[in-house]
Amino acid sequence: MTRLVLRLERLADDAAAGSAAALDGPPERALHVVDLGDHGRAPAASTPLARWIATVAAAHDPCLVLDADAQVLSMSVSAAELLGATEGVIGRRLLDVVEVIDFDTGRASPDYAHRIAPIAVLNTGTGLMRSLMRIRQRDGMAVTVDTASAPIHDATGTMVGSFTFFATVRG
């Protein structure tokens, strides 16, 4: 199976000015998702996965997109802050960039980490999944996060990734 390869490309032409407002930034900072399978720059994100990547890149809410191998394809700035993710998360596996800790012991990498919603939904490929996860942020603070994840399918119905929203659990 050929793997979909995506890249983010800066736009400098007039067409970018129209999409920059949606990205809340000036045209020279606009990012455009391109499906390299199209062998050129498409006028808009051209696959379901590419559209979700672009949406998350522009989102204010904490959310992310994973590929079918649980590698981060896109993460909103607020998700990076909430999850304690550092620079260079794109293309790395989620469990390599987010420190999931055990609810009871506070130890890193609990044996259930692979069952958190953003990853578990990749195994089922159907429906919405929710879970709580406890993570350690960059400052060392532990925070509980509610996650809601759904699979992303391509035009043929093949599951190609997952989309997740996060919310801090306050209590």
N, C-alpha and C. Protein backbone atom coordinates (compact mmCIF):
# COMPACT_ATOMS: atom_id res chain seq x y z
N MET A 1 0.84 -1.17 0.00
CA MET A 1 0.00 0.00 0.00
C MET A 1 0.89 1.24 0.00
N THR A 2 0.58 2.14 -0.89
CA THR A 2 1.34 3.38 -0.96
C THR A 2 0.92 4.28 0.19
N ARG A 3 1.88 4.81 0.86
CA ARG A 3 1.61 5.67 2.00
C ARG A 3 1.43 7.11 1.54
N LEU A 4 0.40 7.73 2.04
CA LEU A 4 0.12 9.12 1.71
C LEU A 4 1.18 9.99 2.36
N VAL A 5 1.83 10.78 1.55
CA VAL A 5 2.86 11.67 2.04
C VAL A 5 2.33 13.09 1.94
N LEU A 6 2.42 13.79 3.03
CA LEU A 6 1.93 15.16 3.06
C LEU A 6 3.05 16.10 3.44
N ARG A 7 2.95 17.32 3.01
CA ARG A 7 3.92 18.30 3.46
C ARG A 7 3.21 19.63 3.67
N LEU A 8 3.76 20.43 4.53
CA LEU A 8 3.25 21.78 4.73
C LEU A 8 4.09 22.71 3.88
N GLU A 9 3.44 23.58 3.16
CA GLU A 9 4.15 24.45 2.23
C GLU A 9 3.69 25.88 2.43
N ARG A 10 4.62 26.81 2.46
CA ARG A 10 4.27 28.23 2.59
C ARG A 10 3.71 28.73 1.27
N LEU A 11 2.69 29.52 1.39
CA LEU A 11 2.10 30.13 0.19
C LEU A 11 2.50 31.59 0.13
N ALA A 12 2.88 32.03 -1.04
CA ALA A 12 3.25 33.43 -1.22
C ALA A 12 2.42 34.10 -2.28
N ASP A 13 1.49 33.36 -2.87
CA ASP A 13 0.71 33.93 -3.98
C ASP A 13 -0.60 34.55 -3.49
N ASP A 14 -1.32 35.18 -4.38
CA ASP A 14 -2.57 35.86 -4.04
C ASP A 14 -3.62 34.90 -3.49
N ALA A 15 -3.62 33.68 -3.93
CA ALA A 15 -4.61 32.71 -3.45
C ALA A 15 -4.48 32.49 -1.95
N ALA A 16 -3.27 32.61 -1.44
CA ALA A 16 -3.05 32.39 0.00
C ALA A 16 -3.72 33.48 0.82
N ALA A 17 -3.81 34.68 0.27
CA ALA A 17 -4.40 35.78 1.02
C ALA A 17 -5.84 35.47 1.41
N GLY A 18 -6.55 34.78 0.55
CA GLY A 18 -7.93 34.42 0.86
C GLY A 18 -8.03 33.41 1.98
N SER A 19 -7.09 32.50 2.09
CA SER A 19 -7.15 31.49 3.14
C SER A 19 -6.47 31.92 4.42
N ALA A 20 -5.71 33.00 4.37
CA ALA A 20 -4.97 33.44 5.56
C ALA A 20 -5.90 33.85 6.68
N ALA A 21 -7.04 34.44 6.36
CA ALA A 21 -7.97 34.87 7.40
C ALA A 21 -8.43 33.67 8.23
N ALA A 22 -8.63 32.55 7.58
CA ALA A 22 -9.05 31.35 8.30
C ALA A 22 -7.95 30.83 9.21
N LEU A 23 -6.71 31.20 8.89
CA LEU A 23 -5.58 30.74 9.70
C LEU A 23 -5.17 31.76 10.75
N ASP A 24 -5.90 32.90 10.81
CA ASP A 24 -5.61 33.95 11.79
C ASP A 24 -4.17 34.43 11.70
N GLY A 25 -3.66 34.58 10.53
CA GLY A 25 -2.30 35.07 10.38
C GLY A 25 -2.13 35.77 9.06
N PRO A 26 -1.02 36.48 8.91
CA PRO A 26 -0.78 37.16 7.64
C PRO A 26 -0.50 36.17 6.53
N PRO A 27 -0.71 36.57 5.27
CA PRO A 27 -0.53 35.64 4.14
C PRO A 27 0.85 35.00 4.09
N GLU A 28 1.89 35.73 4.45
CA GLU A 28 3.23 35.14 4.37
C GLU A 28 3.45 34.04 5.40
N ARG A 29 2.58 33.94 6.40
CA ARG A 29 2.70 32.91 7.43
C ARG A 29 1.72 31.76 7.18
N ALA A 30 0.90 31.86 6.15
CA ALA A 30 -0.11 30.84 5.89
C ALA A 30 0.55 29.52 5.52
N LEU A 31 -0.02 28.45 6.02
CA LEU A 31 0.46 27.12 5.67
C LEU A 31 -0.60 26.43 4.83
N HIS A 32 -0.15 25.65 3.91
CA HIS A 32 -1.05 24.96 3.00
C HIS A 32 -0.67 23.49 2.98
N VAL A 33 -1.63 22.61 3.14
CA VAL A 33 -1.36 21.18 3.13
C VAL A 33 -1.49 20.69 1.71
N VAL A 34 -0.49 19.96 1.28
CA VAL A 34 -0.46 19.48 -0.10
C VAL A 34 -0.32 17.97 -0.11
N ASP A 35 -1.12 17.31 -0.91
CA ASP A 35 -1.01 15.88 -1.10
C ASP A 35 0.00 15.67 -2.23
N LEU A 36 1.17 15.15 -1.89
CA LEU A 36 2.22 14.99 -2.90
C LEU A 36 1.85 13.96 -3.95
N GLY A 37 0.83 13.15 -3.68
CA GLY A 37 0.34 12.22 -4.69
C GLY A 37 -0.26 12.94 -5.88
N ASP A 38 -0.63 14.22 -5.68
CA ASP A 38 -1.18 15.02 -6.77
C ASP A 38 -0.08 15.59 -7.65
N HIS A 39 1.19 15.39 -7.27
CA HIS A 39 2.35 15.85 -8.03
C HIS A 39 2.34 17.35 -8.28
N GLY A 40 1.93 18.09 -7.30
CA GLY A 40 1.94 19.53 -7.44
C GLY A 40 1.19 20.17 -6.30
N ARG A 41 1.12 21.47 -6.32
CA ARG A 41 0.43 22.19 -5.26
C ARG A 41 -1.03 22.30 -5.61
N ALA A 42 -1.86 21.67 -4.80
CA ALA A 42 -3.30 21.74 -5.01
C ALA A 42 -3.81 23.07 -4.48
N PRO A 43 -4.94 23.57 -5.01
CA PRO A 43 -5.47 24.84 -4.54
C PRO A 43 -6.03 24.76 -3.12
N ALA A 44 -6.27 23.55 -2.63
CA ALA A 44 -6.78 23.35 -1.27
C ALA A 44 -6.36 21.96 -0.81
N ALA A 45 -6.47 21.74 0.49
CA ALA A 45 -6.18 20.41 1.01
C ALA A 45 -7.04 19.41 0.26
N SER A 46 -6.42 18.34 -0.25
CA SER A 46 -7.11 17.50 -1.23
C SER A 46 -7.53 16.12 -0.74
N THR A 47 -7.27 15.77 0.50
CA THR A 47 -7.70 14.48 1.03
C THR A 47 -8.32 14.72 2.40
N PRO A 48 -9.15 13.79 2.89
CA PRO A 48 -9.71 13.98 4.24
C PRO A 48 -8.61 14.18 5.30
N LEU A 49 -7.56 13.41 5.23
CA LEU A 49 -6.48 13.54 6.20
C LEU A 49 -5.82 14.92 6.09
N ALA A 50 -5.58 15.37 4.88
CA ALA A 50 -4.96 16.68 4.67
C ALA A 50 -5.85 17.80 5.20
N ARG A 51 -7.17 17.67 5.02
CA ARG A 51 -8.08 18.69 5.53
C ARG A 51 -8.06 18.75 7.05
N TRP A 52 -8.00 17.59 7.71
CA TRP A 52 -7.94 17.59 9.18
C TRP A 52 -6.60 18.16 9.67
N ILE A 53 -5.53 17.86 8.97
CA ILE A 53 -4.22 18.40 9.35
C ILE A 53 -4.26 19.93 9.30
N ALA A 54 -4.82 20.48 8.24
CA ALA A 54 -4.92 21.93 8.10
C ALA A 54 -5.82 22.53 9.17
N THR A 55 -6.93 21.87 9.46
CA THR A 55 -7.85 22.35 10.48
C THR A 55 -7.18 22.41 11.85
N VAL A 56 -6.49 21.36 12.22
CA VAL A 56 -5.82 21.31 13.52
C VAL A 56 -4.70 22.34 13.60
N ALA A 57 -3.96 22.52 12.52
CA ALA A 57 -2.87 23.50 12.52
C ALA A 57 -3.38 24.91 12.81
N ALA A 58 -4.62 25.20 12.43
CA ALA A 58 -5.19 26.52 12.62
C ALA A 58 -6.06 26.63 13.88
N ALA A 59 -6.29 25.53 14.56
CA ALA A 59 -7.24 25.50 15.68
C ALA A 59 -6.71 26.20 16.93
N HIS A 60 -7.62 26.80 17.65
CA HIS A 60 -7.30 27.39 18.95
C HIS A 60 -7.50 26.37 20.06
N ASP A 61 -8.41 25.42 19.84
CA ASP A 61 -8.69 24.39 20.83
C ASP A 61 -7.61 23.33 20.83
N PRO A 62 -7.38 22.67 21.98
CA PRO A 62 -6.37 21.61 22.02
C PRO A 62 -6.85 20.37 21.24
N CYS A 63 -6.15 20.06 20.15
CA CYS A 63 -6.51 18.91 19.33
C CYS A 63 -5.28 18.45 18.55
N LEU A 64 -5.37 17.23 18.03
CA LEU A 64 -4.27 16.70 17.22
C LEU A 64 -4.76 15.68 16.22
N VAL A 65 -3.93 15.41 15.23
CA VAL A 65 -4.18 14.37 14.23
C VAL A 65 -3.00 13.41 14.27
N LEU A 66 -3.33 12.10 14.32
CA LEU A 66 -2.32 11.05 14.24
C LEU A 66 -2.51 10.30 12.94
N ASP A 67 -1.42 9.73 12.40
CA ASP A 67 -1.58 8.84 11.26
C ASP A 67 -1.91 7.44 11.78
N ALA A 68 -2.05 6.48 10.89
CA ALA A 68 -2.44 5.13 11.27
C ALA A 68 -1.39 4.43 12.15
N ASP A 69 -0.16 4.95 12.18
CA ASP A 69 0.90 4.39 13.02
C ASP A 69 1.10 5.18 14.31
N ALA A 70 0.13 6.04 14.66
CA ALA A 70 0.14 6.86 15.88
C ALA A 70 1.24 7.92 15.87
N GLN A 71 1.67 8.33 14.68
CA GLN A 71 2.63 9.43 14.58
C GLN A 71 1.86 10.73 14.46
N VAL A 72 2.35 11.77 15.12
CA VAL A 72 1.70 13.07 15.11
C VAL A 72 1.87 13.72 13.74
N LEU A 73 0.74 14.05 13.10
CA LEU A 73 0.77 14.76 11.83
C LEU A 73 0.49 16.24 12.01
N SER A 74 -0.29 16.57 13.03
CA SER A 74 -0.62 17.96 13.31
C SER A 74 -1.05 18.07 14.76
N MET A 75 -0.63 19.17 15.41
CA MET A 75 -1.00 19.41 16.81
C MET A 75 -1.19 20.91 16.97
N SER A 76 -2.32 21.30 17.54
CA SER A 76 -2.54 22.73 17.78
C SER A 76 -1.58 23.21 18.87
N VAL A 77 -1.32 24.49 18.86
CA VAL A 77 -0.42 25.08 19.85
C VAL A 77 -0.95 24.83 21.26
N SER A 78 -2.27 24.98 21.44
CA SER A 78 -2.84 24.77 22.78
C SER A 78 -2.73 23.32 23.21
N ALA A 79 -2.79 22.37 22.28
CA ALA A 79 -2.61 20.96 22.63
C ALA A 79 -1.16 20.71 23.05
N ALA A 80 -0.22 21.31 22.35
CA ALA A 80 1.19 21.15 22.71
C ALA A 80 1.45 21.67 24.12
N GLU A 81 0.86 22.81 24.44
CA GLU A 81 1.01 23.37 25.78
C GLU A 81 0.36 22.48 26.83
N LEU A 82 -0.88 22.06 26.58
CA LEU A 82 -1.61 21.22 27.53
C LEU A 82 -0.92 19.89 27.77
N LEU A 83 -0.43 19.27 26.71
CA LEU A 83 0.16 17.94 26.81
C LEU A 83 1.64 17.96 27.20
N GLY A 84 2.20 19.15 27.30
CA GLY A 84 3.62 19.24 27.68
C GLY A 84 4.55 18.79 26.58
N ALA A 85 4.07 18.86 25.34
CA ALA A 85 4.89 18.44 24.20
C ALA A 85 5.94 19.51 23.90
N THR A 86 7.08 19.06 23.47
CA THR A 86 8.17 19.98 23.14
C THR A 86 8.24 20.17 21.63
N GLU A 87 9.20 20.94 21.19
CA GLU A 87 9.40 21.16 19.76
C GLU A 87 9.70 19.85 19.06
N GLY A 88 9.40 19.81 17.79
CA GLY A 88 9.75 18.63 16.99
C GLY A 88 8.84 17.44 17.20
N VAL A 89 7.54 17.66 17.41
CA VAL A 89 6.63 16.54 17.63
C VAL A 89 6.12 15.93 16.33
N ILE A 90 6.07 16.71 15.27
CA ILE A 90 5.51 16.22 14.01
C ILE A 90 6.37 15.08 13.47
N GLY A 91 5.70 13.97 13.14
CA GLY A 91 6.38 12.80 12.61
C GLY A 91 6.84 11.82 13.68
N ARG A 92 6.65 12.18 14.95
CA ARG A 92 7.04 11.28 16.05
C ARG A 92 5.81 10.63 16.64
N ARG A 93 5.97 9.45 17.21
CA ARG A 93 4.85 8.74 17.82
C ARG A 93 4.37 9.51 19.05
N LEU A 94 3.05 9.54 19.24
CA LEU A 94 2.46 10.30 20.33
C LEU A 94 3.06 9.92 21.69
N LEU A 95 3.21 8.63 21.95
CA LEU A 95 3.73 8.21 23.26
C LEU A 95 5.21 8.54 23.44
N ASP A 96 5.88 8.97 22.38
CA ASP A 96 7.26 9.43 22.49
C ASP A 96 7.35 10.92 22.81
N VAL A 97 6.26 11.65 22.62
CA VAL A 97 6.30 13.10 22.84
C VAL A 97 5.43 13.55 24.01
N VAL A 98 4.54 12.68 24.48
CA VAL A 98 3.67 12.99 25.61
C VAL A 98 3.95 11.97 26.71
N GLU A 99 4.19 12.46 27.92
CA GLU A 99 4.48 11.55 29.03
C GLU A 99 3.18 11.17 29.74
N VAL A 100 2.64 10.02 29.40
CA VAL A 100 1.45 9.49 30.07
C VAL A 100 1.92 8.86 31.38
N ILE A 101 1.22 9.22 32.46
CA ILE A 101 1.60 8.67 33.77
C ILE A 101 0.43 7.92 34.38
N ASP A 102 0.75 6.99 35.27
CA ASP A 102 -0.25 6.17 35.94
C ASP A 102 -1.07 7.03 36.90
N PHE A 103 -2.38 6.80 36.93
CA PHE A 103 -3.26 7.57 37.82
C PHE A 103 -2.92 7.33 39.29
N ASP A 104 -2.60 6.10 39.65
CA ASP A 104 -2.37 5.75 41.06
C ASP A 104 -0.95 6.03 41.52
N THR A 105 0.03 5.59 40.75
CA THR A 105 1.42 5.66 41.20
C THR A 105 2.15 6.90 40.72
N GLY A 106 1.69 7.51 39.63
CA GLY A 106 2.38 8.67 39.07
C GLY A 106 3.60 8.29 38.24
N ARG A 107 3.81 7.00 38.05
CA ARG A 107 4.95 6.54 37.25
C ARG A 107 4.67 6.71 35.76
N ALA A 108 5.73 6.95 35.02
CA ALA A 108 5.62 7.14 33.57
C ALA A 108 5.36 5.81 32.86
N SER A 109 4.79 5.91 31.68
CA SER A 109 4.55 4.79 30.77
C SER A 109 3.80 3.63 31.41
N PRO A 110 2.59 3.88 31.91
CA PRO A 110 1.82 2.76 32.47
C PRO A 110 1.50 1.75 31.37
N ASP A 111 1.23 0.51 31.78
CA ASP A 111 0.99 -0.56 30.82
C ASP A 111 -0.26 -0.33 29.98
N TYR A 112 -1.13 0.57 30.37
CA TYR A 112 -2.34 0.86 29.61
C TYR A 112 -2.18 2.05 28.67
N ALA A 113 -1.02 2.64 28.58
CA ALA A 113 -0.83 3.86 27.77
C ALA A 113 -1.29 3.68 26.33
N HIS A 114 -1.10 2.52 25.76
CA HIS A 114 -1.49 2.29 24.37
C HIS A 114 -3.02 2.23 24.20
N ARG A 115 -3.76 2.26 25.31
CA ARG A 115 -5.22 2.20 25.23
C ARG A 115 -5.87 3.58 25.40
N ILE A 116 -5.07 4.65 25.44
CA ILE A 116 -5.68 5.98 25.49
C ILE A 116 -6.40 6.23 24.17
N ALA A 117 -7.46 7.00 24.21
CA ALA A 117 -8.35 7.17 23.06
C ALA A 117 -7.66 7.51 21.74
N PRO A 118 -6.70 8.46 21.69
CA PRO A 118 -6.12 8.79 20.38
C PRO A 118 -5.45 7.61 19.69
N ILE A 119 -4.95 6.67 20.48
CA ILE A 119 -4.27 5.50 19.92
C ILE A 119 -5.22 4.32 19.79
N ALA A 120 -6.08 4.13 20.79
CA ALA A 120 -7.01 2.99 20.77
C ALA A 120 -7.96 3.05 19.58
N VAL A 121 -8.38 4.25 19.20
CA VAL A 121 -9.30 4.36 18.06
C VAL A 121 -8.63 3.89 16.77
N LEU A 122 -7.32 3.95 16.71
CA LEU A 122 -6.60 3.44 15.52
C LEU A 122 -6.73 1.93 15.40
N ASN A 123 -6.90 1.25 16.51
CA ASN A 123 -7.03 -0.21 16.49
C ASN A 123 -8.43 -0.65 16.08
N THR A 124 -9.46 0.15 16.42
CA THR A 124 -10.82 -0.23 16.07
C THR A 124 -11.22 0.32 14.71
N GLY A 125 -10.79 1.54 14.41
CA GLY A 125 -11.11 2.16 13.13
C GLY A 125 -12.53 2.62 12.98
N THR A 126 -13.34 2.46 14.03
CA THR A 126 -14.74 2.89 13.95
C THR A 126 -15.14 3.61 15.22
N GLY A 127 -16.17 4.42 15.10
CA GLY A 127 -16.78 5.05 16.27
C GLY A 127 -15.94 6.08 16.98
N LEU A 128 -16.55 6.68 17.97
CA LEU A 128 -15.92 7.68 18.81
C LEU A 128 -15.42 7.01 20.07
N MET A 129 -14.23 7.37 20.53
CA MET A 129 -13.69 6.82 21.78
C MET A 129 -13.36 7.96 22.71
N ARG A 130 -13.59 7.72 23.98
CA ARG A 130 -13.22 8.70 25.01
C ARG A 130 -12.43 7.99 26.07
N SER A 131 -11.52 8.74 26.67
CA SER A 131 -10.77 8.21 27.81
C SER A 131 -10.20 9.37 28.60
N LEU A 132 -9.88 9.08 29.84
CA LEU A 132 -9.12 10.02 30.64
C LEU A 132 -7.67 9.59 30.55
N MET A 133 -6.78 10.55 30.56
CA MET A 133 -5.37 10.23 30.64
C MET A 133 -4.71 11.25 31.55
N ARG A 134 -3.71 10.80 32.23
CA ARG A 134 -2.95 11.68 33.12
C ARG A 134 -1.59 11.86 32.49
N ILE A 135 -1.19 13.10 32.33
CA ILE A 135 0.09 13.38 31.68
C ILE A 135 0.92 14.31 32.56
N ARG A 136 2.23 14.26 32.33
CA ARG A 136 3.14 15.16 33.02
C ARG A 136 3.53 16.26 32.04
N GLN A 137 3.25 17.50 32.44
CA GLN A 137 3.59 18.64 31.60
C GLN A 137 5.06 18.98 31.74
N ARG A 138 5.53 19.92 30.91
CA ARG A 138 6.95 20.30 30.91
C ARG A 138 7.43 20.81 32.26
N ASP A 139 6.54 21.48 33.00
CA ASP A 139 6.94 22.02 34.31
C ASP A 139 6.90 20.98 35.42
N GLY A 140 6.57 19.73 35.06
CA GLY A 140 6.54 18.65 36.04
C GLY A 140 5.18 18.42 36.67
N MET A 141 4.24 19.31 36.42
CA MET A 141 2.89 19.16 36.98
C MET A 141 2.14 18.05 36.25
N ALA A 142 1.38 17.28 37.04
CA ALA A 142 0.53 16.23 36.45
C ALA A 142 -0.85 16.83 36.22
N VAL A 143 -1.44 16.52 35.09
CA VAL A 143 -2.77 17.02 34.76
C VAL A 143 -3.59 15.88 34.17
N THR A 144 -4.87 15.85 34.51
CA THR A 144 -5.78 14.86 33.95
C THR A 144 -6.51 15.50 32.77
N VAL A 145 -6.55 14.77 31.68
CA VAL A 145 -7.11 15.27 30.43
C VAL A 145 -8.17 14.31 29.92
N ASP A 146 -9.33 14.87 29.55
CA ASP A 146 -10.39 14.10 28.91
C ASP A 146 -10.11 14.12 27.41
N THR A 147 -10.13 12.96 26.77
CA THR A 147 -9.85 12.88 25.33
C THR A 147 -11.05 12.29 24.61
N ALA A 148 -11.36 12.85 23.47
CA ALA A 148 -12.41 12.33 22.59
C ALA A 148 -11.79 12.18 21.21
N SER A 149 -11.79 10.95 20.70
CA SER A 149 -11.09 10.65 19.44
C SER A 149 -12.02 9.95 18.45
N ALA A 150 -11.77 10.21 17.19
CA ALA A 150 -12.51 9.56 16.11
C ALA A 150 -11.53 9.20 15.01
N PRO A 151 -11.81 8.10 14.30
CA PRO A 151 -10.94 7.73 13.18
C PRO A 151 -11.17 8.66 11.99
N ILE A 152 -10.16 8.76 11.16
CA ILE A 152 -10.26 9.50 9.89
C ILE A 152 -10.14 8.45 8.79
N HIS A 153 -11.07 8.49 7.85
CA HIS A 153 -11.08 7.54 6.73
C HIS A 153 -10.84 8.27 5.42
N ASP A 154 -10.19 7.60 4.48
CA ASP A 154 -10.01 8.19 3.16
C ASP A 154 -11.25 7.91 2.31
N ALA A 155 -11.22 8.30 1.06
CA ALA A 155 -12.38 8.15 0.17
C ALA A 155 -12.78 6.70 -0.05
N THR A 156 -11.86 5.77 0.16
CA THR A 156 -12.18 4.35 -0.04
C THR A 156 -12.68 3.69 1.24
N GLY A 157 -12.72 4.45 2.35
CA GLY A 157 -13.17 3.89 3.62
C GLY A 157 -12.05 3.32 4.47
N THR A 158 -10.82 3.44 3.99
CA THR A 158 -9.66 2.95 4.74
C THR A 158 -9.34 3.93 5.86
N MET A 159 -9.14 3.41 7.06
CA MET A 159 -8.78 4.26 8.20
C MET A 159 -7.34 4.71 8.02
N VAL A 160 -7.12 6.04 8.01
CA VAL A 160 -5.80 6.60 7.76
C VAL A 160 -5.23 7.37 8.95
N GLY A 161 -6.01 7.52 10.01
CA GLY A 161 -5.53 8.24 11.17
C GLY A 161 -6.63 8.49 12.17
N SER A 162 -6.33 9.37 13.13
CA SER A 162 -7.34 9.74 14.12
C SER A 162 -7.26 11.23 14.42
N PHE A 163 -8.38 11.75 14.88
CA PHE A 163 -8.53 13.15 15.25
C PHE A 163 -8.96 13.18 16.71
N THR A 164 -8.33 14.01 17.53
CA THR A 164 -8.63 14.04 18.97
C THR A 164 -8.75 15.45 19.48
N PHE A 165 -9.77 15.68 20.31
CA PHE A 165 -9.91 16.90 21.10
C PHE A 165 -9.54 16.58 22.54
N PHE A 166 -8.97 17.56 23.24
CA PHE A 166 -8.58 17.41 24.64
C PHE A 166 -9.25 18.49 25.49
N ALA A 167 -9.55 18.13 26.74
CA ALA A 167 -10.07 19.10 27.71
C ALA A 167 -9.49 18.76 29.07
N THR A 168 -9.01 19.77 29.77
CA THR A 168 -8.48 19.58 31.11
C THR A 168 -9.62 19.23 32.06
N VAL A 169 -9.40 18.24 32.90
CA VAL A 169 -10.38 17.87 33.92
C VAL A 169 -10.01 18.63 35.19
N ARG A 170 -10.90 19.48 35.61
CA ARG A 170 -10.66 20.25 36.83
C ARG A 170 -11.53 19.67 37.93
N GLY A 171 -10.97 19.57 39.10
CA GLY A 171 -11.80 18.98 40.14
C GLY A 171 -11.36 19.19 41.48
